[in-house]
Amino acid sequence: MFEAIKHNMETIAGVEIYPILSLLIFFLFFLALGIWVFSYKKEKIEELSQIPLNHK
């Protein structure tokens, strides 16, 4: 099964760029997510954490 896939992938011109692009997108997404999480205001996190406790 994998031999057929490998053969088909080898015949596509420029296919070697796809794993590099996938890794780059993966890395940039988690880098942006980390920056967003660490730059979030502590007051807002505290306010959001109290929402389940204040529900009536």
Protein backbone atom coordinates (compact mmCIF):
# COMPACT_ATOMS: atom_id res chain seq x y z
CA MET A 1 0.00 0.00 0.00
CA PHE A 2 2.71 2.45 0.97
CA GLU A 3 4.73 1.57 -2.11
CA ALA A 4 1.94 2.87 -4.36
CA ILE A 5 1.68 6.08 -2.35
CA LYS A 6 5.45 6.50 -2.33
CA HIS A 7 5.63 5.98 -6.09
CA ASN A 8 2.84 8.49 -6.72
CA MET A 9 4.41 11.08 -4.44
CA GLU A 10 7.81 10.71 -6.12
CA THR A 11 6.31 11.51 -9.52
CA ILE A 12 4.84 14.87 -8.40
CA ALA A 13 7.16 17.76 -9.24
CA GLY A 14 8.00 19.93 -6.23
CA VAL A 15 6.45 17.57 -3.70
CA GLU A 16 9.40 18.00 -1.29
CA ILE A 17 8.15 21.48 -0.34
CA TYR A 18 4.94 20.18 1.31
CA PRO A 19 6.54 18.68 4.46
CA ILE A 20 8.56 21.87 4.94
CA LEU A 21 5.45 24.03 4.58
CA SER A 22 3.51 21.78 6.95
CA LEU A 23 6.20 22.03 9.61
CA LEU A 24 6.44 25.80 9.15
CA ILE A 25 2.68 26.26 9.51
CA PHE A 26 2.63 23.98 12.58
CA PHE A 27 5.52 25.87 14.20
CA LEU A 28 4.12 29.33 13.45
CA PHE A 29 0.66 28.40 14.76
CA PHE A 30 1.98 27.21 18.11
CA LEU A 31 4.42 30.10 18.36
CA ALA A 32 1.56 32.57 17.82
CA LEU A 33 -0.61 30.65 20.29
CA GLY A 34 2.16 30.77 22.90
CA ILE A 35 2.67 34.50 22.41
CA TRP A 36 -1.08 35.08 22.73
CA VAL A 37 -1.33 32.99 25.92
CA PHE A 38 1.65 34.62 27.65
CA SER A 39 0.56 38.13 26.72
CA TYR A 40 -3.01 37.68 28.01
CA LYS A 41 -3.82 40.00 30.90
CA LYS A 42 -3.92 38.34 34.34
CA GLU A 43 -7.04 40.30 35.30
CA LYS A 44 -8.95 38.91 32.32
CA ILE A 45 -7.87 35.35 33.15
CA GLU A 46 -9.06 35.82 36.74
CA GLU A 47 -12.39 37.23 35.52
CA LEU A 48 -12.92 34.32 33.13
CA SER A 49 -11.99 31.77 35.78
CA GLN A 50 -14.76 33.08 38.06
CA ILE A 51 -17.54 32.62 35.46
CA PRO A 52 -18.39 28.99 36.41
CA LEU A 53 -18.53 29.89 40.11
CA ASN A 54 -20.86 32.88 39.62
CA HIS A 55 -23.44 31.05 37.52
CA LYS A 56 -26.93 31.03 39.08
